Amino acid sequence: MARLAMVVLALAGASVIALSVMAADLSKLDTDGNGMYSFNELLVAYPDLGRTTFNAVDFNGDGYLTEGEIKAAVDAGVLPQMAG
């Protein structure tokens, strides 16, 4: 049981680290510094990103993606994990 708890904690820690790396990588793409990511900004990391996929991931329809929307899309397999 203790071993299982250690594995769960290690996986949770890895998820936090992965999210931190993703956030750091994403921040480089935010060229206008507004904390959100436009279609054109994301084309740097996702050159094959289509407008249809971008719009599907843009849950609130504001024309920008948040880190949360991008993470949800990566977790769902809609967007690939950013190479870091």
N, C-alpha and C. Protein backbone atom coordinates (compact mmCIF):
# COMPACT_ATOMS: atom_id res chain seq x y z
N MET A 1 0.82 -1.19 0.00
CA MET A 1 0.00 0.00 0.00
C MET A 1 0.87 1.26 0.00
N ALA A 2 1.91 1.25 0.82
CA ALA A 2 2.81 2.41 0.88
C ALA A 2 3.52 2.59 -0.46
N ARG A 3 3.86 1.48 -1.11
CA ARG A 3 4.53 1.57 -2.41
C ARG A 3 3.58 2.20 -3.43
N LEU A 4 2.31 1.82 -3.41
CA LEU A 4 1.32 2.40 -4.32
C LEU A 4 1.19 3.90 -4.07
N ALA A 5 1.17 4.30 -2.84
CA ALA A 5 1.07 5.73 -2.50
C ALA A 5 2.28 6.48 -3.04
N MET A 6 3.47 5.89 -2.94
CA MET A 6 4.67 6.54 -3.45
C MET A 6 4.60 6.68 -4.98
N VAL A 7 4.10 5.67 -5.66
CA VAL A 7 3.97 5.72 -7.12
C VAL A 7 2.98 6.82 -7.51
N VAL A 8 1.85 6.89 -6.81
CA VAL A 8 0.85 7.91 -7.10
C VAL A 8 1.43 9.30 -6.88
N LEU A 9 2.15 9.48 -5.78
CA LEU A 9 2.77 10.78 -5.52
C LEU A 9 3.82 11.13 -6.56
N ALA A 10 4.58 10.15 -7.00
CA ALA A 10 5.59 10.40 -8.03
C ALA A 10 4.93 10.79 -9.34
N LEU A 11 3.85 10.12 -9.70
CA LEU A 11 3.14 10.46 -10.93
C LEU A 11 2.52 11.85 -10.83
N ALA A 12 1.97 12.18 -9.69
CA ALA A 12 1.39 13.51 -9.50
C ALA A 12 2.48 14.57 -9.62
N GLY A 13 3.63 14.32 -9.05
CA GLY A 13 4.75 15.25 -9.16
C GLY A 13 5.21 15.40 -10.59
N ALA A 14 5.24 14.30 -11.33
CA ALA A 14 5.64 14.35 -12.74
C ALA A 14 4.64 15.17 -13.54
N SER A 15 3.37 15.06 -13.20
CA SER A 15 2.35 15.85 -13.90
C SER A 15 2.53 17.34 -13.64
N VAL A 16 2.84 17.70 -12.42
CA VAL A 16 3.07 19.11 -12.08
C VAL A 16 4.29 19.62 -12.81
N ILE A 17 5.35 18.81 -12.86
CA ILE A 17 6.56 19.22 -13.58
C ILE A 17 6.26 19.37 -15.07
N ALA A 18 5.54 18.42 -15.64
CA ALA A 18 5.20 18.50 -17.07
C ALA A 18 4.37 19.74 -17.36
N LEU A 19 3.42 20.05 -16.49
CA LEU A 19 2.60 21.24 -16.68
C LEU A 19 3.45 22.50 -16.56
N SER A 20 4.40 22.51 -15.63
CA SER A 20 5.29 23.67 -15.49
C SER A 20 6.15 23.85 -16.73
N VAL A 21 6.66 22.76 -17.27
CA VAL A 21 7.46 22.83 -18.49
C VAL A 21 6.60 23.32 -19.63
N MET A 22 5.39 22.79 -19.73
CA MET A 22 4.47 23.22 -20.79
C MET A 22 4.18 24.71 -20.66
N ALA A 23 3.92 25.18 -19.46
CA ALA A 23 3.62 26.60 -19.25
C ALA A 23 4.81 27.46 -19.62
N ALA A 24 6.02 27.01 -19.28
CA ALA A 24 7.22 27.78 -19.63
C ALA A 24 7.39 27.82 -21.14
N ASP A 25 7.18 26.69 -21.81
CA ASP A 25 7.29 26.65 -23.27
C ASP A 25 6.21 27.52 -23.91
N LEU A 26 5.00 27.46 -23.37
CA LEU A 26 3.92 28.26 -23.92
C LEU A 26 4.18 29.75 -23.76
N SER A 27 4.75 30.13 -22.64
CA SER A 27 4.96 31.56 -22.41
C SER A 27 5.86 32.18 -23.49
N LYS A 28 6.74 31.38 -24.07
CA LYS A 28 7.60 31.87 -25.15
C LYS A 28 6.79 32.20 -26.41
N LEU A 29 5.64 31.56 -26.54
CA LEU A 29 4.80 31.76 -27.73
C LEU A 29 3.91 32.99 -27.62
N ASP A 30 3.70 33.46 -26.41
CA ASP A 30 2.80 34.59 -26.17
C ASP A 30 3.50 35.89 -26.53
N THR A 31 3.59 36.17 -27.82
CA THR A 31 4.39 37.29 -28.29
C THR A 31 3.81 38.66 -27.92
N ASP A 32 2.50 38.74 -27.71
CA ASP A 32 1.91 40.03 -27.34
C ASP A 32 1.75 40.18 -25.83
N GLY A 33 2.09 39.13 -25.07
CA GLY A 33 2.09 39.20 -23.62
C GLY A 33 0.72 39.30 -22.96
N ASN A 34 -0.34 38.87 -23.66
CA ASN A 34 -1.68 38.99 -23.08
C ASN A 34 -2.10 37.77 -22.25
N GLY A 35 -1.21 36.77 -22.15
CA GLY A 35 -1.52 35.59 -21.35
C GLY A 35 -2.40 34.58 -22.05
N MET A 36 -2.72 34.83 -23.31
CA MET A 36 -3.52 33.91 -24.11
C MET A 36 -2.79 33.68 -25.43
N TYR A 37 -3.26 32.71 -26.20
CA TYR A 37 -2.53 32.29 -27.39
C TYR A 37 -3.45 32.35 -28.61
N SER A 38 -3.05 33.18 -29.56
CA SER A 38 -3.82 33.31 -30.79
C SER A 38 -3.48 32.16 -31.73
N PHE A 39 -4.27 32.01 -32.77
CA PHE A 39 -4.02 31.01 -33.79
C PHE A 39 -2.60 31.19 -34.34
N ASN A 40 -2.24 32.41 -34.71
CA ASN A 40 -0.92 32.67 -35.29
C ASN A 40 0.22 32.38 -34.31
N GLU A 41 0.03 32.69 -33.03
CA GLU A 41 1.06 32.40 -32.04
C GLU A 41 1.28 30.89 -31.92
N LEU A 42 0.20 30.12 -31.95
CA LEU A 42 0.33 28.67 -31.78
C LEU A 42 0.88 27.97 -33.01
N LEU A 43 0.83 28.61 -34.16
CA LEU A 43 1.39 28.00 -35.36
C LEU A 43 2.89 27.75 -35.23
N VAL A 44 3.56 28.49 -34.36
CA VAL A 44 4.99 28.28 -34.13
C VAL A 44 5.23 26.88 -33.54
N ALA A 45 4.42 26.50 -32.57
CA ALA A 45 4.57 25.20 -31.92
C ALA A 45 3.82 24.09 -32.65
N TYR A 46 2.72 24.47 -33.30
CA TYR A 46 1.87 23.50 -33.99
C TYR A 46 1.67 23.94 -35.44
N PRO A 47 2.69 23.77 -36.30
CA PRO A 47 2.60 24.28 -37.67
C PRO A 47 1.47 23.65 -38.50
N ASP A 48 1.01 22.48 -38.11
CA ASP A 48 -0.08 21.82 -38.84
C ASP A 48 -1.45 22.12 -38.24
N LEU A 49 -1.51 23.01 -37.26
CA LEU A 49 -2.77 23.35 -36.62
C LEU A 49 -3.72 23.99 -37.62
N GLY A 50 -4.88 23.42 -37.74
CA GLY A 50 -5.89 24.00 -38.62
C GLY A 50 -6.84 24.88 -37.83
N ARG A 51 -7.48 25.77 -38.53
CA ARG A 51 -8.43 26.69 -37.89
C ARG A 51 -9.59 25.91 -37.24
N THR A 52 -10.01 24.83 -37.88
CA THR A 52 -11.12 24.03 -37.33
C THR A 52 -10.73 23.43 -35.99
N THR A 53 -9.51 22.89 -35.89
CA THR A 53 -9.05 22.33 -34.62
C THR A 53 -8.90 23.42 -33.57
N PHE A 54 -8.30 24.56 -33.96
CA PHE A 54 -8.15 25.68 -33.04
C PHE A 54 -9.51 26.09 -32.48
N ASN A 55 -10.49 26.25 -33.36
CA ASN A 55 -11.84 26.67 -32.92
C ASN A 55 -12.49 25.63 -32.01
N ALA A 56 -12.23 24.35 -32.27
CA ALA A 56 -12.80 23.29 -31.43
C ALA A 56 -12.19 23.31 -30.03
N VAL A 57 -10.92 23.67 -29.93
CA VAL A 57 -10.22 23.71 -28.65
C VAL A 57 -10.55 25.00 -27.89
N ASP A 58 -10.94 26.02 -28.60
CA ASP A 58 -11.30 27.32 -28.00
C ASP A 58 -12.70 27.21 -27.38
N PHE A 59 -12.74 26.60 -26.19
CA PHE A 59 -14.01 26.26 -25.55
C PHE A 59 -14.93 27.46 -25.33
N ASN A 60 -14.36 28.61 -25.01
CA ASN A 60 -15.21 29.76 -24.74
C ASN A 60 -15.43 30.64 -25.97
N GLY A 61 -14.82 30.28 -27.10
CA GLY A 61 -15.08 30.96 -28.36
C GLY A 61 -14.59 32.40 -28.45
N ASP A 62 -13.56 32.74 -27.65
CA ASP A 62 -13.08 34.13 -27.66
C ASP A 62 -11.98 34.39 -28.69
N GLY A 63 -11.59 33.35 -29.44
CA GLY A 63 -10.56 33.53 -30.46
C GLY A 63 -9.14 33.35 -29.95
N TYR A 64 -9.00 33.01 -28.67
CA TYR A 64 -7.70 32.76 -28.06
C TYR A 64 -7.78 31.47 -27.26
N LEU A 65 -6.63 30.83 -27.08
CA LEU A 65 -6.58 29.66 -26.21
C LEU A 65 -5.85 30.02 -24.93
N THR A 66 -6.36 29.51 -23.83
CA THR A 66 -5.69 29.66 -22.54
C THR A 66 -4.79 28.45 -22.33
N GLU A 67 -3.92 28.52 -21.34
CA GLU A 67 -3.10 27.35 -21.00
C GLU A 67 -4.00 26.17 -20.65
N GLY A 68 -5.10 26.43 -19.96
CA GLY A 68 -6.02 25.36 -19.59
C GLY A 68 -6.65 24.69 -20.80
N GLU A 69 -7.04 25.49 -21.78
CA GLU A 69 -7.63 24.92 -23.00
C GLU A 69 -6.60 24.10 -23.77
N ILE A 70 -5.37 24.58 -23.82
CA ILE A 70 -4.31 23.84 -24.51
C ILE A 70 -4.01 22.55 -23.77
N LYS A 71 -3.89 22.62 -22.44
CA LYS A 71 -3.62 21.40 -21.66
C LYS A 71 -4.73 20.38 -21.84
N ALA A 72 -5.99 20.83 -21.83
CA ALA A 72 -7.12 19.91 -22.02
C ALA A 72 -7.05 19.26 -23.40
N ALA A 73 -6.65 20.04 -24.42
CA ALA A 73 -6.54 19.50 -25.78
C ALA A 73 -5.40 18.49 -25.87
N VAL A 74 -4.29 18.77 -25.19
CA VAL A 74 -3.17 17.82 -25.18
C VAL A 74 -3.58 16.55 -24.44
N ASP A 75 -4.21 16.70 -23.28
CA ASP A 75 -4.66 15.55 -22.49
C ASP A 75 -5.65 14.69 -23.27
N ALA A 76 -6.49 15.33 -24.10
CA ALA A 76 -7.49 14.59 -24.88
C ALA A 76 -6.92 14.03 -26.18
N GLY A 77 -5.66 14.36 -26.47
CA GLY A 77 -5.04 13.86 -27.68
C GLY A 77 -5.38 14.66 -28.93
N VAL A 78 -6.03 15.80 -28.75
CA VAL A 78 -6.38 16.67 -29.88
C VAL A 78 -5.15 17.40 -30.38
N LEU A 79 -4.30 17.84 -29.45
CA LEU A 79 -3.02 18.47 -29.79
C LEU A 79 -1.91 17.59 -29.26
N PRO A 80 -0.80 17.50 -29.99
CA PRO A 80 0.33 16.72 -29.46
C PRO A 80 1.02 17.47 -28.33
N GLN A 81 1.73 16.75 -27.50
CA GLN A 81 2.53 17.34 -26.44
C GLN A 81 3.60 18.20 -27.11
N MET A 82 3.83 19.38 -26.57
CA MET A 82 4.89 20.24 -27.12
C MET A 82 6.24 19.61 -26.83
N ALA A 83 7.10 19.64 -27.83
CA ALA A 83 8.47 19.15 -27.61
C ALA A 83 9.18 20.15 -26.72
N GLY A 84 9.85 19.68 -25.73
CA GLY A 84 10.50 20.61 -24.81
C GLY A 84 11.91 20.25 -24.66
